[in-house]
C-alpha atoms as a PDB file:
ATOM      1  CA  UNK A   1     142.398 119.815  21.362  1.00  0.00           C
ATOM      2  CA  UNK A   2     142.567 117.548  24.373  1.00  0.00           C
ATOM      3  CA  UNK A   3     143.909 114.035  23.944  1.00  0.00           C
ATOM      4  CA  UNK A   4     142.281 111.398  26.185  1.00  0.00           C
ATOM      5  CA  UNK A   5     145.401 109.229  26.056  1.00  0.00           C
ATOM      6  CA  UNK A   6     147.372 111.735  28.112  1.00  0.00           C
ATOM      7  CA  UNK A   7     145.083 111.121  31.105  1.00  0.00           C
ATOM      8  CA  UNK A   8     147.519 108.338  32.057  1.00  0.00           C
ATOM      9  CA  UNK A   9     150.094 111.064  32.536  1.00  0.00           C
ATOM     10  CA  UNK A  10     148.003 113.518  34.522  1.00  0.00           C
ATOM     11  CA  UNK A  11     145.146 113.911  36.975  1.00  0.00           C
ATOM     12  CA  UNK A  12     142.837 116.738  37.975  1.00  0.00           C
ATOM     13  CA  UNK A  13     142.817 117.997  41.540  1.00  0.00           C
ATOM     14  CA  UNK A  14     139.712 117.109  43.514  1.00  0.00           C
ATOM     15  CA  UNK A  15     139.230 120.638  44.856  1.00  0.00           C
ATOM     16  CA  UNK A  16     138.453 123.608  42.623  1.00  0.00           C
ATOM     17  CA  UNK A  17     140.958 126.331  41.837  1.00  0.00           C
ATOM     18  CA  UNK A  18     139.351 129.769  41.795  1.00  0.00           C
ATOM     19  CA  UNK A  19     140.525 132.201  39.138  1.00  0.00           C
ATOM     20  CA  UNK A  20     141.595 135.423  40.890  1.00  0.00           C
ATOM     21  CA  UNK A  21     140.590 137.491  37.855  1.00  0.00           C
ATOM     22  CA  UNK A  22     137.110 136.270  36.883  1.00  0.00           C
ATOM     23  CA  UNK A  23     136.419 134.049  39.940  1.00  0.00           C
ATOM     24  CA  UNK A  24     135.523 131.035  37.792  1.00  0.00           C
ATOM     25  CA  UNK A  25     136.146 127.645  39.450  1.00  0.00           C
ATOM     26  CA  UNK A  26     138.052 124.958  37.548  1.00  0.00           C
ATOM     27  CA  UNK A  27     140.096 121.831  38.172  1.00  0.00           C
ATOM     28  CA  UNK A  28     143.873 122.142  38.017  1.00  0.00           C
ATOM     29  CA  UNK A  29     145.685 119.468  36.024  1.00  0.00           C
ATOM     30  CA  UNK A  30     148.762 117.898  37.604  1.00  0.00           C
ATOM     31  CA  UNK A  31     151.455 115.696  36.100  1.00  0.00           C
ATOM     32  CA  UNK A  32     151.690 112.236  37.656  1.00  0.00           C
ATOM     33  CA  UNK A  33     155.122 111.266  38.954  1.00  0.00           C
ATOM     34  CA  UNK A  34     157.061 108.017  38.733  1.00  0.00           C
ATOM     35  CA  UNK A  35     156.191 104.828  36.911  1.00  0.00           C
ATOM     36  CA  UNK A  36     158.549 105.557  34.035  1.00  0.00           C
ATOM     37  CA  UNK A  37     156.538 108.530  32.810  1.00  0.00           C
ATOM     38  CA  UNK A  38     159.464 110.954  32.647  1.00  0.00           C
ATOM     39  CA  UNK A  39     162.543 109.488  30.995  1.00  0.00           C
ATOM     40  CA  UNK A  40     165.109 112.274  31.012  1.00  0.00           C
ATOM     41  CA  UNK A  41     167.083 112.716  27.823  1.00  0.00           C
ATOM     42  CA  UNK A  42     169.857 115.148  26.898  1.00  0.00           C
ATOM     43  CA  UNK A  43     170.148 118.778  27.954  1.00  0.00           C
ATOM     44  CA  UNK A  44     169.984 121.225  25.055  1.00  0.00           C
ATOM     45  CA  UNK A  45     172.363 124.151  24.652  1.00  0.00           C
ATOM     46  CA  UNK A  46     169.480 126.444  25.626  1.00  0.00           C
ATOM     47  CA  UNK A  47     169.151 124.447  28.882  1.00  0.00           C
ATOM     48  CA  UNK A  48     166.038 122.633  27.746  1.00  0.00           C
ATOM     49  CA  UNK A  49     165.632 119.124  29.094  1.00  0.00           C
ATOM     50  CA  UNK A  50     164.471 116.674  26.454  1.00  0.00           C
ATOM     51  CA  UNK A  51     162.440 113.623  27.405  1.00  0.00           C
ATOM     52  CA  UNK A  52     162.270 110.271  25.689  1.00  0.00           C
ATOM     53  CA  UNK A  53     158.894 108.818  24.818  1.00  0.00           C
ATOM     54  CA  UNK A  54     158.068 105.713  26.844  1.00  0.00           C
ATOM     55  CA  UNK A  55     156.387 102.651  25.343  1.00  0.00           C
ATOM     56  CA  UNK A  56     153.694 102.769  28.007  1.00  0.00           C
ATOM     57  CA  UNK A  57     152.909 106.500  28.169  1.00  0.00           C
ATOM     58  CA  UNK A  58     154.174 107.927  24.900  1.00  0.00           C
ATOM     59  CA  UNK A  59     155.459 111.486  24.514  1.00  0.00           C
ATOM     60  CA  UNK A  60     155.596 113.782  27.508  1.00  0.00           C
ATOM     61  CA  UNK A  61     156.089 117.540  27.768  1.00  0.00           C
ATOM     62  CA  UNK A  62     156.424 118.410  31.486  1.00  0.00           C
ATOM     63  CA  UNK A  63     156.811 122.150  30.891  1.00  0.00           C
ATOM     64  CA  UNK A  64     153.207 122.566  29.691  1.00  0.00           C
ATOM     65  CA  UNK A  65     151.934 121.778  33.199  1.00  0.00           C
ATOM     66  CA  UNK A  66     153.870 124.638  34.835  1.00  0.00           C
ATOM     67  CA  UNK A  67     151.643 127.262  33.240  1.00  0.00           C
ATOM     68  CA  UNK A  68     148.068 127.622  34.462  1.00  0.00           C
ATOM     69  CA  UNK A  69     145.244 129.080  32.363  1.00  0.00           C
ATOM     70  CA  UNK A  70     141.705 129.915  33.428  1.00  0.00           C
ATOM     71  CA  UNK A  71     139.335 128.185  30.979  1.00  0.00           C
ATOM     72  CA  UNK A  72     136.831 131.044  31.191  1.00  0.00           C
ATOM     73  CA  UNK A  73     138.826 134.285  30.943  1.00  0.00           C
ATOM     74  CA  UNK A  74     142.182 132.937  29.646  1.00  0.00           C
ATOM     75  CA  UNK A  75     144.149 134.600  32.444  1.00  0.00           C
ATOM     76  CA  UNK A  76     147.472 132.737  32.459  1.00  0.00           C
ATOM     77  CA  UNK A  77     150.501 132.746  34.719  1.00  0.00           C
ATOM     78  CA  UNK A  78     153.202 130.463  35.958  1.00  0.00           C
ATOM     79  CA  UNK A  79     151.662 128.138  38.535  1.00  0.00           C
ATOM     80  CA  UNK A  80     153.556 129.830  41.370  1.00  0.00           C
ATOM     81  CA  UNK A  81     151.973 133.197  40.492  1.00  0.00           C
ATOM     82  CA  UNK A  82     148.502 132.218  39.345  1.00  0.00           C
ATOM     83  CA  UNK A  83     146.635 132.588  42.642  1.00  0.00           C
ATOM     84  CA  UNK A  84     148.554 135.665  43.770  1.00  0.00           C
ATOM     85  CA  UNK A  85     148.794 138.094  40.849  1.00  0.00           C
ATOM     86  CA  UNK A  86     150.116 141.602  41.326  1.00  0.00           C
ATOM     87  CA  UNK A  87     147.179 143.478  42.944  1.00  0.00           C
ATOM     88  CA  UNK A  88     148.008 146.496  40.792  1.00  0.00           C
ATOM     89  CA  UNK A  89     147.494 144.404  37.645  1.00  0.00           C
ATOM     90  CA  UNK A  90     144.100 142.878  38.424  1.00  0.00           C
ATOM     91  CA  UNK A  91     141.927 145.619  36.915  1.00  0.00           C
ATOM     92  CA  UNK A  92     143.952 145.620  33.700  1.00  0.00           C
ATOM     93  CA  UNK A  93     143.817 141.833  33.480  1.00  0.00           C
ATOM     94  CA  UNK A  94     140.042 141.853  33.934  1.00  0.00           C
ATOM     95  CA  UNK A  95     139.657 144.459  31.209  1.00  0.00           C
ATOM     96  CA  UNK A  96     141.878 142.505  28.829  1.00  0.00           C
ATOM     97  CA  UNK A  97     139.849 139.281  28.699  1.00  0.00           C
ATOM     98  CA  UNK A  98     138.592 139.742  25.134  1.00  0.00           C
ATOM     99  CA  UNK A  99     142.052 140.771  23.929  1.00  0.00           C
ATOM    100  CA  UNK A 100     143.499 137.570  25.352  1.00  0.00           C
ATOM    101  CA  UNK A 101     140.977 135.443  23.483  1.00  0.00           C
ATOM    102  CA  UNK A 102     141.413 137.407  20.262  1.00  0.00           C
ATOM    103  CA  UNK A 103     145.167 136.958  20.574  1.00  0.00           C
ATOM    104  CA  UNK A 104     145.325 133.149  20.770  1.00  0.00           C
ATOM    105  CA  UNK A 105     142.059 131.819  19.354  1.00  0.00           C
ATOM    106  CA  UNK A 106     142.981 132.614  15.706  1.00  0.00           C
ATOM    107  CA  UNK A 107     146.287 130.751  16.142  1.00  0.00           C
ATOM    108  CA  UNK A 108     144.833 127.488  17.415  1.00  0.00           C
ATOM    109  CA  UNK A 109     141.768 125.405  16.603  1.00  0.00           C
ATOM    110  CA  UNK A 110     139.509 124.520  19.528  1.00  0.00           C
ATOM    111  CA  UNK A 111     141.644 125.333  22.557  1.00  0.00           C
ATOM    112  CA  UNK A 112     140.403 123.367  25.553  1.00  0.00           C
ATOM    113  CA  UNK A 113     141.755 124.233  29.013  1.00  0.00           C
ATOM    114  CA  UNK A 114     139.286 122.024  30.884  1.00  0.00           C
ATOM    115  CA  UNK A 115     140.527 118.646  29.628  1.00  0.00           C
ATOM    116  CA  UNK A 116     144.012 117.091  29.498  1.00  0.00           C
ATOM    117  CA  UNK A 117     146.435 119.532  27.913  1.00  0.00           C
ATOM    118  CA  UNK A 118     148.241 119.116  24.642  1.00  0.00           C
ATOM    119  CA  UNK A 119     151.140 121.096  23.198  1.00  0.00           C
ATOM    120  CA  UNK A 120     148.597 123.523  21.762  1.00  0.00           C
ATOM    121  CA  UNK A 121     147.271 124.541  25.177  1.00  0.00           C
ATOM    122  CA  UNK A 122     150.813 124.676  26.534  1.00  0.00           C
ATOM    123  CA  UNK A 123     152.004 126.983  23.763  1.00  0.00           C
ATOM    124  CA  UNK A 124     148.909 129.177  24.077  1.00  0.00           C
ATOM    125  CA  UNK A 125     149.357 129.352  27.852  1.00  0.00           C
ATOM    126  CA  UNK A 126     152.901 130.675  27.569  1.00  0.00           C
ATOM    127  CA  UNK A 127     151.844 133.244  24.962  1.00  0.00           C
ATOM    128  CA  UNK A 128     149.096 134.420  27.318  1.00  0.00           C
ATOM    129  CA  UNK A 129     151.600 134.635  30.172  1.00  0.00           C
ATOM    130  CA  UNK A 130     153.477 137.308  28.238  1.00  0.00           C
ATOM    131  CA  UNK A 131     150.319 139.414  28.267  1.00  0.00           C
ATOM    132  CA  UNK A 132     149.928 138.868  32.014  1.00  0.00           C
ATOM    133  CA  UNK A 133     153.467 139.794  33.038  1.00  0.00           C
ATOM    134  CA  UNK A 134     153.286 142.903  30.895  1.00  0.00           C
ATOM    135  CA  UNK A 135     151.016 144.316  33.632  1.00  0.00           C
ATOM    136  CA  UNK A 136     153.015 143.212  36.691  1.00  0.00           C
ATOM    137  CA  UNK A 137     155.078 145.809  38.540  1.00  0.00           C
ATOM    138  CA  UNK A 138     158.814 145.449  39.114  1.00  0.00           C
ATOM    139  CA  UNK A 139     158.486 143.930  42.585  1.00  0.00           C
ATOM    140  CA  UNK A 140     157.136 140.756  40.955  1.00  0.00           C
ATOM    141  CA  UNK A 141     160.195 140.294  38.669  1.00  0.00           C
ATOM    142  CA  UNK A 142     158.045 140.353  35.503  1.00  0.00           C
ATOM    143  CA  UNK A 143     160.934 140.706  33.060  1.00  0.00           C
ATOM    144  CA  UNK A 144     162.728 137.481  33.924  1.00  0.00           C
ATOM    145  CA  UNK A 145     159.387 135.660  34.131  1.00  0.00           C
ATOM    146  CA  UNK A 146     158.547 136.950  30.657  1.00  0.00           C
ATOM    147  CA  UNK A 147     161.944 135.684  29.492  1.00  0.00           C
ATOM    148  CA  UNK A 148     161.282 132.207  30.898  1.00  0.00           C
ATOM    149  CA  UNK A 149     157.791 132.091  29.374  1.00  0.00           C
ATOM    150  CA  UNK A 150     159.014 133.264  25.963  1.00  0.00           C
ATOM    151  CA  UNK A 151     161.747 130.618  25.948  1.00  0.00           C
ATOM    152  CA  UNK A 152     159.386 127.824  27.014  1.00  0.00           C
ATOM    153  CA  UNK A 153     156.884 129.023  24.436  1.00  0.00           C
ATOM    154  CA  UNK A 154     159.590 128.720  21.767  1.00  0.00           C
ATOM    155  CA  UNK A 155     160.193 125.138  22.895  1.00  0.00           C
ATOM    156  CA  UNK A 156     156.481 124.342  22.608  1.00  0.00           C
ATOM    157  CA  UNK A 157     156.336 125.735  19.092  1.00  0.00           C
ATOM    158  CA  UNK A 158     159.519 123.831  18.186  1.00  0.00           C
ATOM    159  CA  UNK A 159     157.814 120.615  19.265  1.00  0.00           C
ATOM    160  CA  UNK A 160     154.669 121.514  17.338  1.00  0.00           C
ATOM    161  CA  UNK A 161     156.761 122.126  14.232  1.00  0.00           C
ATOM    162  CA  UNK A 162     158.460 118.757  14.683  1.00  0.00           C
ATOM    163  CA  UNK A 163     155.081 117.009  14.940  1.00  0.00           C
ATOM    164  CA  UNK A 164     153.335 119.038  12.244  1.00  0.00           C
ATOM    165  CA  UNK A 165     156.028 120.433   9.897  1.00  0.00           C
ATOM    166  CA  UNK A 166     153.531 121.653   7.303  1.00  0.00           C
ATOM    167  CA  UNK A 167     151.764 124.006   9.764  1.00  0.00           C
ATOM    168  CA  UNK A 168     154.588 126.583   9.986  1.00  0.00           C
ATOM    169  CA  UNK A 169     154.889 126.600  13.795  1.00  0.00           C
ATOM    170  CA  UNK A 170     158.605 127.317  13.352  1.00  0.00           C
ATOM    171  CA  UNK A 171     157.671 130.897  12.479  1.00  0.00           C
ATOM    172  CA  UNK A 172     156.281 131.429  15.981  1.00  0.00           C
ATOM    173  CA  UNK A 173     159.200 129.484  17.432  1.00  0.00           C
ATOM    174  CA  UNK A 174     161.636 132.051  16.000  1.00  0.00           C
ATOM    175  CA  UNK A 175     159.509 134.974  17.189  1.00  0.00           C
ATOM    176  CA  UNK A 176     159.465 133.578  20.722  1.00  0.00           C
ATOM    177  CA  UNK A 177     163.228 133.003  20.713  1.00  0.00           C
ATOM    178  CA  UNK A 178     163.719 136.638  19.720  1.00  0.00           C
ATOM    179  CA  UNK A 179     161.339 137.730  22.477  1.00  0.00           C
ATOM    180  CA  UNK A 180     163.283 135.585  24.938  1.00  0.00           C
ATOM    181  CA  UNK A 181     166.489 137.265  23.799  1.00  0.00           C
ATOM    182  CA  UNK A 182     164.952 140.690  24.407  1.00  0.00           C
ATOM    183  CA  UNK A 183     163.615 139.809  27.862  1.00  0.00           C
ATOM    184  CA  UNK A 184     166.777 138.047  29.053  1.00  0.00           C
ATOM    185  CA  UNK A 185     168.877 141.029  27.962  1.00  0.00           C
ATOM    186  CA  UNK A 186     166.453 143.375  29.710  1.00  0.00           C
ATOM    187  CA  UNK A 187     166.623 141.226  32.849  1.00  0.00           C
ATOM    188  CA  UNK A 188     170.401 141.642  33.113  1.00  0.00           C
ATOM    189  CA  UNK A 189     170.327 145.347  32.256  1.00  0.00           C
ATOM    190  CA  UNK A 190     167.573 146.113  34.774  1.00  0.00           C
ATOM    191  CA  UNK A 191     169.295 144.091  37.473  1.00  0.00           C
ATOM    192  CA  UNK A 192     172.548 145.959  36.890  1.00  0.00           C
ATOM    193  CA  UNK A 193     170.843 149.385  36.884  1.00  0.00           C
ATOM    194  CA  UNK A 194     168.651 148.585  39.882  1.00  0.00           C
ATOM    195  CA  UNK A 195     165.447 149.258  37.934  1.00  0.00           C
ATOM    196  CA  UNK A 196     164.155 145.737  38.597  1.00  0.00           C
ATOM    197  CA  UNK A 197     165.817 143.495  41.140  1.00  0.00           C
ATOM    198  CA  UNK A 198     165.466 139.791  40.500  1.00  0.00           C
ATOM    199  CA  UNK A 199     164.121 137.705  43.366  1.00  0.00           C
ATOM    200  CA  UNK A 200     167.009 135.324  44.063  1.00  0.00           C
ATOM    201  CA  UNK A 201     164.676 132.755  45.662  1.00  0.00           C
ATOM    202  CA  UNK A 202     162.480 132.311  42.584  1.00  0.00           C
ATOM    203  CA  UNK A 203     162.685 129.305  40.259  1.00  0.00           C
ATOM    204  CA  UNK A 204     164.708 130.420  37.253  1.00  0.00           C
ATOM    205  CA  UNK A 205     164.606 127.133  35.384  1.00  0.00           C
ATOM    206  CA  UNK A 206     164.591 127.717  32.517  1.00  0.00           C
ATOM    207  CA  UNK A 207     163.097 124.237  32.223  1.00  0.00           C
ATOM    208  CA  UNK A 208     161.114 122.591  34.987  1.00  0.00           C
ATOM    209  CA  UNK A 209     163.714 119.985  35.993  1.00  0.00           C
ATOM    210  CA  UNK A 210     166.613 122.142  37.244  1.00  0.00           C
ATOM    211  CA  UNK A 211     166.992 125.632  38.636  1.00  0.00           C
ATOM    212  CA  UNK A 212     170.141 127.148  37.163  1.00  0.00           C
ATOM    213  CA  UNK A 213     169.553 130.383  39.053  1.00  0.00           C
ATOM    214  CA  UNK A 214     170.882 133.733  37.922  1.00  0.00           C
ATOM    215  CA  UNK A 215     173.900 131.958  36.412  1.00  0.00           C
ATOM    216  CA  UNK A 216     171.472 130.408  33.962  1.00  0.00           C
ATOM    217  CA  UNK A 217     170.115 133.868  33.158  1.00  0.00           C
ATOM    218  CA  UNK A 218     173.629 135.108  32.389  1.00  0.00           C
ATOM    219  CA  UNK A 219     174.364 132.088  30.207  1.00  0.00           C
ATOM    220  CA  UNK A 220     171.101 132.297  28.264  1.00  0.00           C
ATOM    221  CA  UNK A 221     171.559 136.017  27.685  1.00  0.00           C
ATOM    222  CA  UNK A 222     174.813 135.187  25.937  1.00  0.00           C
ATOM    223  CA  UNK A 223     173.458 132.122  24.130  1.00  0.00           C
ATOM    224  CA  UNK A 224     170.475 134.036  22.766  1.00  0.00           C
ATOM    225  CA  UNK A 225     172.680 136.958  21.733  1.00  0.00           C
ATOM    226  CA  UNK A 226     174.914 134.555  19.832  1.00  0.00           C
ATOM    227  CA  UNK A 227     172.049 132.808  18.024  1.00  0.00           C
ATOM    228  CA  UNK A 228     169.430 135.556  17.687  1.00  0.00           C
ATOM    229  CA  UNK A 229     171.295 138.840  17.964  1.00  0.00           C
ATOM    230  CA  UNK A 230     171.286 141.460  15.226  1.00  0.00           C
ATOM    231  CA  UNK A 231     173.376 140.333  12.255  1.00  0.00           C
ATOM    232  CA  UNK A 232     172.701 143.263   9.929  1.00  0.00           C
ATOM    233  CA  UNK A 233     175.516 145.444  11.291  1.00  0.00           C
ATOM    234  CA  UNK A 234     178.795 143.519  11.546  1.00  0.00           C
ATOM    235  CA  UNK A 235     180.517 146.072  13.788  1.00  0.00           C
ATOM    236  CA  UNK A 236     177.574 146.240  16.181  1.00  0.00           C
ATOM    237  CA  UNK A 237     177.332 142.444  16.272  1.00  0.00           C
ATOM    238  CA  UNK A 238     181.021 142.079  17.045  1.00  0.00           C
ATOM    239  CA  UNK A 239     180.663 144.564  19.906  1.00  0.00           C
ATOM    240  CA  UNK A 240     177.571 142.809  21.287  1.00  0.00           C
ATOM    241  CA  UNK A 241     179.276 139.429  21.104  1.00  0.00           C
ATOM    242  CA  UNK A 242     182.392 140.771  22.807  1.00  0.00           C
ATOM    243  CA  UNK A 243     180.272 142.145  25.669  1.00  0.00           C
ATOM    244  CA  UNK A 244     178.337 138.899  25.987  1.00  0.00           C
ATOM    245  CA  UNK A 245     181.559 136.878  25.827  1.00  0.00           C
ATOM    246  CA  UNK A 246     183.035 138.783  28.770  1.00  0.00           C
ATOM    247  CA  UNK A 247     179.969 137.875  30.831  1.00  0.00           C
ATOM    248  CA  UNK A 248     180.311 134.212  29.817  1.00  0.00           C
ATOM    249  CA  UNK A 249     184.011 134.352  30.717  1.00  0.00           C
ATOM    250  CA  UNK A 250     183.089 135.500  34.232  1.00  0.00           C
ATOM    251  CA  UNK A 251     180.657 132.606  34.524  1.00  0.00           C
ATOM    252  CA  UNK A 252     183.365 130.150  33.430  1.00  0.00           C
ATOM    253  CA  UNK A 253     185.763 131.729  35.932  1.00  0.00           C
ATOM    254  CA  UNK A 254     183.259 131.340  38.757  1.00  0.00           C
ATOM    255  CA  UNK A 255     182.877 127.704  37.787  1.00  0.00           C
ATOM    256  CA  UNK A 256     186.608 127.155  38.229  1.00  0.00           C
ATOM    257  CA  UNK A 257     186.616 128.763  41.677  1.00  0.00           C
ATOM    258  CA  UNK A 258     183.439 127.151  42.990  1.00  0.00           C
ATOM    259  CA  UNK A 259     182.573 123.455  42.971  1.00  0.00           C
ATOM    260  CA  UNK A 260     178.944 124.444  43.690  1.00  0.00           C
ATOM    261  CA  UNK A 261     178.372 125.647  40.143  1.00  0.00           C
ATOM    262  CA  UNK A 262     176.594 122.972  38.055  1.00  0.00           C
ATOM    263  CA  UNK A 263     179.109 121.295  35.771  1.00  0.00           C
ATOM    264  CA  UNK A 264     176.585 120.963  32.927  1.00  0.00           C
ATOM    265  CA  UNK A 265     176.117 124.738  32.845  1.00  0.00           C
ATOM    266  CA  UNK A 266     179.824 125.521  33.107  1.00  0.00           C
ATOM    267  CA  UNK A 267     180.686 123.068  30.326  1.00  0.00           C
ATOM    268  CA  UNK A 268     178.116 124.674  28.034  1.00  0.00           C
ATOM    269  CA  UNK A 269     179.421 128.120  28.975  1.00  0.00           C
ATOM    270  CA  UNK A 270     182.942 127.045  27.968  1.00  0.00           C
ATOM    271  CA  UNK A 271     181.671 125.835  24.592  1.00  0.00           C
ATOM    272  CA  UNK A 272     179.733 129.058  24.048  1.00  0.00           C
ATOM    273  CA  UNK A 273     182.767 131.174  24.998  1.00  0.00           C
ATOM    274  CA  UNK A 274     184.810 129.374  22.340  1.00  0.00           C
ATOM    275  CA  UNK A 275     182.112 129.777  19.676  1.00  0.00           C
ATOM    276  CA  UNK A 276     181.800 133.490  20.434  1.00  0.00           C
ATOM    277  CA  UNK A 277     185.546 133.952  20.099  1.00  0.00           C
ATOM    278  CA  UNK A 278     185.539 132.269  16.700  1.00  0.00           C
ATOM    279  CA  UNK A 279     182.576 134.365  15.550  1.00  0.00           C
ATOM    280  CA  UNK A 280     184.247 137.623  16.612  1.00  0.00           C
ATOM    281  CA  UNK A 281     187.362 136.720  14.589  1.00  0.00           C
ATOM    282  CA  UNK A 282     185.191 136.090  11.532  1.00  0.00           C
ATOM    283  CA  UNK A 283     183.272 139.381  11.754  1.00  0.00           C
END
């Protein structure tokens, strides 16, 4: 599914990257910088950075280049983890090669990880990441990384649905948003219980342009609860929203007491806090 026109946006590294799972060599694709390629647009309420298409380079999706996939065995991980997977996961990842291919190949026609990426390879890469982090132990912060990958995967499928509305990619978009909600909630619960401590030095994103840190995790946990939480039981939903709203209130309070907190995040947290309050009254 590669598109030759995107070669103006990217280049392949001269030296080979060696897959740590199957030991296959391949060239890593990198996004070129500057020259008007990335024209930043608005920030979405889910902290996604939108980019405007340029006349010279067309559409650009920077997030698809932050996931790396081996063209031979389909092992996928965030670029920062690809070469150094959890040693305890390697045997399981080697044994799961056929399952990875059976998982994504029926969803996409002609995936091609050796030529310039398209949204298809980006979406598939983030789906495959969820399989990878399922095998990582707690010291590698797999839950929050799964949350980030699920959310970015939802964005990829949203873009695919926008480009090809008759292909029903919005179905997978919704599934990935629900998975993101699950993993972000688990991230906070495990951090609070001590079951899985989040590495404070990691890149939380959620998008590739800004690192909103653990504050972003707290915000997105609330945002996803508001938009994708269980709506079947009104009493349970009201309780979940009230709990999430208290966490958002703390984030807003920290923003008032610290100038270091990003204003874009705090402003969105204020808006979300108001929306949650209105929803609780209506339940």
